[in-house]
Amino acid sequence: MTAETPSSDPTPVPAASDGSQRSGTVVVPRPLKWHQKLAAPLIYGFIEALSQTLRYRYEFPPGFLEMPPRPSIFVTWHNRLFLSLMLYRHLVRLKNRPHRMAAIVSASRDGGVLARILQHFGVQPVRGSTSRRGPQALLELTTWAERGYDLAITPDGPRGPRYAAQIGAIALAHLTGLSIVPASYHLAWKIQARSWDRFQIPLPFSRVTVRFGEPLQVRREASVSDLERLRQLLEDRLRSLTVD
């Protein structure tokens, strides 16, 4: 699956405020401009080069590395996206499992750049969010799960509030039966953007402490109140792993 192309319907559709287009009730992400296409490999190269200078230390819950290599849903905060794909690469090597992941990415134009970066990392992007193509994106992620792929979601994305988990990851676990693995990391040296999420970028040669939490399972027969309780539990676990 690749990033979606504009609708073939000849009737013009108004653009959404985030750069995507609406076609009836379907939101179609717009194609990237040339400079956005150029930005993706440059950002990928920058992440690869910078990550080689970092010093990593991993903290796992008891028995985590010995768990059977089944697909999972990995969740981390939006402001920890910078190193998340590198850390996934490290994890699959540690566990000697296939590198197969599909990740949800905003349907906005900015999300298009991120989708290209994911493809450079060998990750399948699925365009959508809580506000754009949400139900369709969940169904697409379910299809990738059935093919044996790990899945990834930022539970407080794409607009926050920061460190507040939305229901998407819990809904996805409910649909797929996959366990949710919370993860976060702490950077000894970093810069932070002035965005809503205070996006974090490591400085060269920084120490990175990576923390994985106890996997969370969502039963198929879970009620609406159960799902809300699990959403809060996921938020609490992620917050407990996070040090700014």
Protein backbone atom coordinates (compact mmCIF):
# COMPACT_ATOMS: atom_id res chain seq x y z
CA MET A 1 0.00 0.00 0.00
CA THR A 2 1.30 3.47 -0.83
CA ALA A 3 0.16 6.97 0.06
CA GLU A 4 -3.23 7.68 -1.39
CA THR A 5 -3.73 9.64 -4.58
CA PRO A 6 -6.35 12.36 -5.12
CA SER A 7 -9.87 11.28 -6.01
CA SER A 8 -10.59 10.66 -9.69
CA ASP A 9 -13.96 12.42 -9.32
CA PRO A 10 -13.83 15.42 -11.71
CA THR A 11 -16.00 17.51 -9.37
CA PRO A 12 -13.77 19.92 -7.40
CA VAL A 13 -13.73 19.33 -3.66
CA PRO A 14 -12.86 21.96 -1.08
CA ALA A 15 -9.55 21.67 0.72
CA ALA A 16 -9.57 21.08 4.45
CA SER A 17 -7.65 23.45 6.69
CA ASP A 18 -4.81 20.91 7.08
CA GLY A 19 -4.19 20.62 3.32
CA SER A 20 -6.21 17.46 2.70
CA GLN A 21 -9.26 17.31 0.43
CA ARG A 22 -12.80 16.23 1.19
CA SER A 23 -14.76 14.01 -1.21
CA GLY A 24 -18.20 13.46 0.32
CA THR A 25 -17.37 12.01 3.73
CA VAL A 26 -13.95 10.72 2.57
CA VAL A 27 -10.81 12.77 3.20
CA VAL A 28 -8.14 12.27 0.52
CA PRO A 29 -4.58 13.37 1.44
CA ARG A 30 -3.08 15.76 -1.11
CA PRO A 31 0.09 14.79 -3.03
CA LEU A 32 3.36 16.32 -1.88
CA LYS A 33 5.06 19.22 -3.64
CA TRP A 34 8.61 18.76 -4.96
CA HIS A 35 10.31 20.40 -1.98
CA GLN A 36 8.34 18.21 0.44
CA LYS A 37 9.40 15.10 -1.47
CA LEU A 38 13.01 16.29 -1.21
CA ALA A 39 12.69 16.97 2.52
CA ALA A 40 11.82 13.36 3.41
CA PRO A 41 15.15 11.69 2.43
CA LEU A 42 17.10 14.58 3.94
CA ILE A 43 15.31 14.21 7.29
CA TYR A 44 15.73 10.43 7.14
CA GLY A 45 19.48 10.82 6.55
CA PHE A 46 19.74 13.31 9.41
CA ILE A 47 17.98 10.94 11.84
CA GLU A 48 20.19 8.03 10.75
CA ALA A 49 23.41 10.04 11.13
CA LEU A 50 22.48 11.60 14.47
CA SER A 51 21.29 8.31 15.95
CA GLN A 52 24.72 6.77 15.33
CA THR A 53 26.24 9.19 17.84
CA LEU A 54 23.78 8.38 20.65
CA ARG A 55 24.34 6.05 23.62
CA TYR A 56 21.35 3.81 24.35
CA ARG A 57 20.25 2.07 27.52
CA TYR A 58 17.12 -0.12 27.55
CA GLU A 59 14.77 -0.92 30.42
CA PHE A 60 12.28 -3.77 29.90
CA PRO A 61 9.59 -5.23 32.17
CA PRO A 62 10.39 -8.75 33.49
CA GLY A 63 10.21 -11.42 30.80
CA PHE A 64 9.63 -8.94 27.96
CA LEU A 65 12.48 -10.11 25.72
CA GLU A 66 11.47 -13.76 26.24
CA MET A 67 7.86 -13.20 25.11
CA PRO A 68 6.84 -15.02 21.88
CA PRO A 69 7.40 -12.81 18.79
CA ARG A 70 3.75 -11.98 18.11
CA PRO A 71 2.65 -8.72 16.44
CA SER A 72 1.92 -5.87 18.85
CA ILE A 73 0.67 -2.29 18.88
CA PHE A 74 3.48 0.05 19.89
CA VAL A 75 2.49 3.40 21.37
CA THR A 76 4.63 6.38 22.28
CA TRP A 77 3.98 10.08 22.78
CA HIS A 78 3.94 12.39 19.76
CA ASN A 79 7.00 14.31 20.97
CA ARG A 80 9.05 11.07 21.03
CA LEU A 81 8.61 10.33 17.32
CA PHE A 82 12.12 11.42 16.33
CA LEU A 83 13.86 8.24 17.53
CA SER A 84 10.88 5.88 17.56
CA LEU A 85 11.65 4.14 14.26
CA MET A 86 15.32 3.67 15.16
CA LEU A 87 14.29 2.15 18.48
CA TYR A 88 11.87 -0.21 16.76
CA ARG A 89 14.71 -1.33 14.50
CA HIS A 90 16.87 -1.99 17.57
CA LEU A 91 14.07 -3.91 19.29
CA VAL A 92 13.35 -6.31 16.44
CA ARG A 93 17.06 -7.11 16.28
CA LEU A 94 17.17 -7.78 20.03
CA LYS A 95 14.13 -10.07 19.81
CA ASN A 96 15.23 -11.63 16.49
CA ARG A 97 11.88 -10.94 14.84
CA PRO A 98 10.86 -9.58 11.41
CA HIS A 99 10.93 -5.83 10.78
CA ARG A 100 7.29 -5.36 9.73
CA MET A 101 5.35 -2.33 10.90
CA ALA A 102 2.41 -0.21 9.77
CA ALA A 103 1.95 3.18 11.44
CA ILE A 104 -0.88 5.67 11.44
CA VAL A 105 0.08 9.10 10.07
CA SER A 106 -1.99 12.27 9.91
CA ALA A 107 -3.92 12.83 6.67
CA SER A 108 -2.65 16.42 6.61
CA ARG A 109 0.01 17.67 4.18
CA ASP A 110 2.64 17.64 6.95
CA GLY A 111 1.69 14.02 7.54
CA GLY A 112 2.60 13.34 3.91
CA VAL A 113 6.24 14.20 4.63
CA LEU A 114 6.22 11.93 7.68
CA ALA A 115 4.69 9.14 5.57
CA ARG A 116 7.63 9.39 3.14
CA ILE A 117 10.09 9.25 6.05
CA LEU A 118 8.39 6.12 7.36
CA GLN A 119 8.77 4.49 3.96
CA HIS A 120 12.52 5.18 4.05
CA PHE A 121 12.59 3.29 7.36
CA GLY A 122 10.72 0.36 5.80
CA VAL A 123 7.48 1.19 7.64
CA GLN A 124 4.08 1.15 5.93
CA PRO A 125 2.20 4.46 6.49
CA VAL A 126 -1.58 4.47 6.93
CA ARG A 127 -3.08 7.93 6.54
CA GLY A 128 -5.62 9.03 9.13
CA SER A 129 -6.23 10.40 12.62
CA THR A 130 -9.01 11.03 15.10
CA SER A 131 -10.12 14.00 12.98
CA ARG A 132 -9.28 12.77 9.44
CA ARG A 133 -10.16 9.31 8.03
CA GLY A 134 -10.11 7.78 11.52
CA PRO A 135 -12.48 4.79 11.03
CA GLN A 136 -11.04 3.93 7.60
CA ALA A 137 -7.48 4.13 8.94
CA LEU A 138 -8.34 1.75 11.79
CA LEU A 139 -9.70 -0.77 9.30
CA GLU A 140 -6.56 -0.46 7.16
CA LEU A 141 -4.38 -1.04 10.22
CA THR A 142 -6.45 -4.12 11.05
CA THR A 143 -5.66 -5.49 7.59
CA TRP A 144 -1.93 -5.02 8.16
CA ALA A 145 -2.23 -6.72 11.55
CA GLU A 146 -3.80 -9.73 9.84
CA ARG A 147 -0.70 -9.90 7.63
CA GLY A 148 1.51 -10.20 10.71
CA TYR A 149 2.64 -6.57 10.97
CA ASP A 150 3.30 -4.66 14.17
CA LEU A 151 1.27 -1.45 14.42
CA ALA A 152 2.17 1.98 15.80
CA ILE A 153 0.11 4.92 17.08
CA THR A 154 0.90 8.14 18.94
CA PRO A 155 -2.02 8.22 21.39
CA ASP A 156 -1.87 11.98 21.97
CA GLY A 157 -1.50 12.92 18.29
CA PRO A 158 -1.94 14.70 16.03
CA ARG A 159 -3.01 17.79 18.00
CA GLY A 160 -2.91 16.82 21.65
CA PRO A 161 -3.31 17.69 24.39
CA ARG A 162 0.18 16.51 25.21
CA TYR A 163 0.44 13.32 27.28
CA ALA A 164 -3.33 12.69 27.12
CA ALA A 165 -4.09 9.31 25.53
CA GLN A 166 -7.05 9.17 23.15
CA ILE A 167 -9.13 6.06 22.59
CA GLY A 168 -7.61 5.09 19.21
CA ALA A 169 -4.99 2.61 20.44
CA ILE A 170 -7.51 0.90 22.72
CA ALA A 171 -10.05 0.68 19.87
CA LEU A 172 -7.39 -0.81 17.60
CA ALA A 173 -6.43 -3.43 20.20
CA HIS A 174 -10.11 -4.24 20.65
CA LEU A 175 -10.48 -4.81 16.89
CA THR A 176 -7.27 -6.77 16.32
CA GLY A 177 -6.74 -8.65 19.59
CA LEU A 178 -3.11 -7.44 19.64
CA SER A 179 -1.49 -6.37 22.90
CA ILE A 180 -0.43 -2.73 23.37
CA VAL A 181 3.23 -2.09 24.23
CA PRO A 182 3.82 1.39 25.74
CA ALA A 183 7.26 2.91 25.22
CA SER A 184 9.02 6.18 25.94
CA TYR A 185 12.56 7.50 26.28
CA HIS A 186 14.52 10.15 28.11
CA LEU A 187 17.17 12.31 26.43
CA ALA A 188 20.00 13.61 28.59
CA TRP A 189 20.71 16.40 26.09
CA LYS A 190 18.04 17.71 23.75
CA ILE A 191 16.32 20.65 22.18
CA GLN A 192 12.55 21.09 22.32
CA ALA A 193 10.34 22.74 19.74
CA ARG A 194 7.77 25.37 20.69
CA SER A 195 4.97 23.20 19.31
CA TRP A 196 1.97 21.90 21.27
CA ASP A 197 3.81 18.65 22.04
CA ARG A 198 7.23 20.22 22.82
CA PHE A 199 8.77 17.91 20.20
CA GLN A 200 12.14 16.57 21.34
CA ILE A 201 15.29 16.27 19.21
CA PRO A 202 18.43 14.74 20.73
CA LEU A 203 21.74 16.57 20.66
CA PRO A 204 24.73 14.60 19.30
CA PHE A 205 26.31 12.10 21.76
CA SER A 206 23.36 12.31 24.14
CA ARG A 207 22.47 9.40 26.42
CA VAL A 208 19.08 7.85 25.62
CA THR A 209 17.23 5.84 28.26
CA VAL A 210 14.55 3.77 26.54
CA ARG A 211 11.73 2.37 28.69
CA PHE A 212 9.16 -0.24 27.68
CA GLY A 213 6.09 -0.84 29.84
CA GLU A 214 4.06 -3.92 30.67
CA PRO A 215 1.96 -4.92 27.63
CA LEU A 216 -1.75 -4.15 27.88
CA GLN A 217 -4.39 -6.57 26.60
CA VAL A 218 -7.92 -5.55 25.55
CA ARG A 219 -10.48 -8.35 25.72
CA ARG A 220 -12.85 -8.76 22.77
CA GLU A 221 -15.85 -8.72 25.13
CA ALA A 222 -14.75 -5.46 26.81
CA SER A 223 -17.58 -3.00 27.47
CA VAL A 224 -17.50 0.73 26.78
CA SER A 225 -16.66 1.40 30.43
CA ASP A 226 -13.87 -1.21 30.24
CA LEU A 227 -12.41 0.53 27.20
CA GLU A 228 -12.37 3.89 28.99
CA ARG A 229 -10.71 2.32 32.03
CA LEU A 230 -8.04 0.77 29.78
CA ARG A 231 -7.52 4.11 28.01
CA GLN A 232 -6.78 5.70 31.37
CA LEU A 233 -4.51 2.80 32.32
CA LEU A 234 -2.56 3.19 29.07
CA GLU A 235 -2.16 6.91 29.72
CA ASP A 236 -0.95 6.23 33.27
CA ARG A 237 1.58 3.63 32.10
CA LEU A 238 2.96 5.91 29.41
CA ARG A 239 3.24 8.81 31.85
CA SER A 240 5.09 6.58 34.34
CA LEU A 241 7.67 5.79 31.62
CA THR A 242 8.15 9.42 30.66
CA VAL A 243 10.70 11.79 32.16
CA ASP A 244 11.17 15.25 30.60
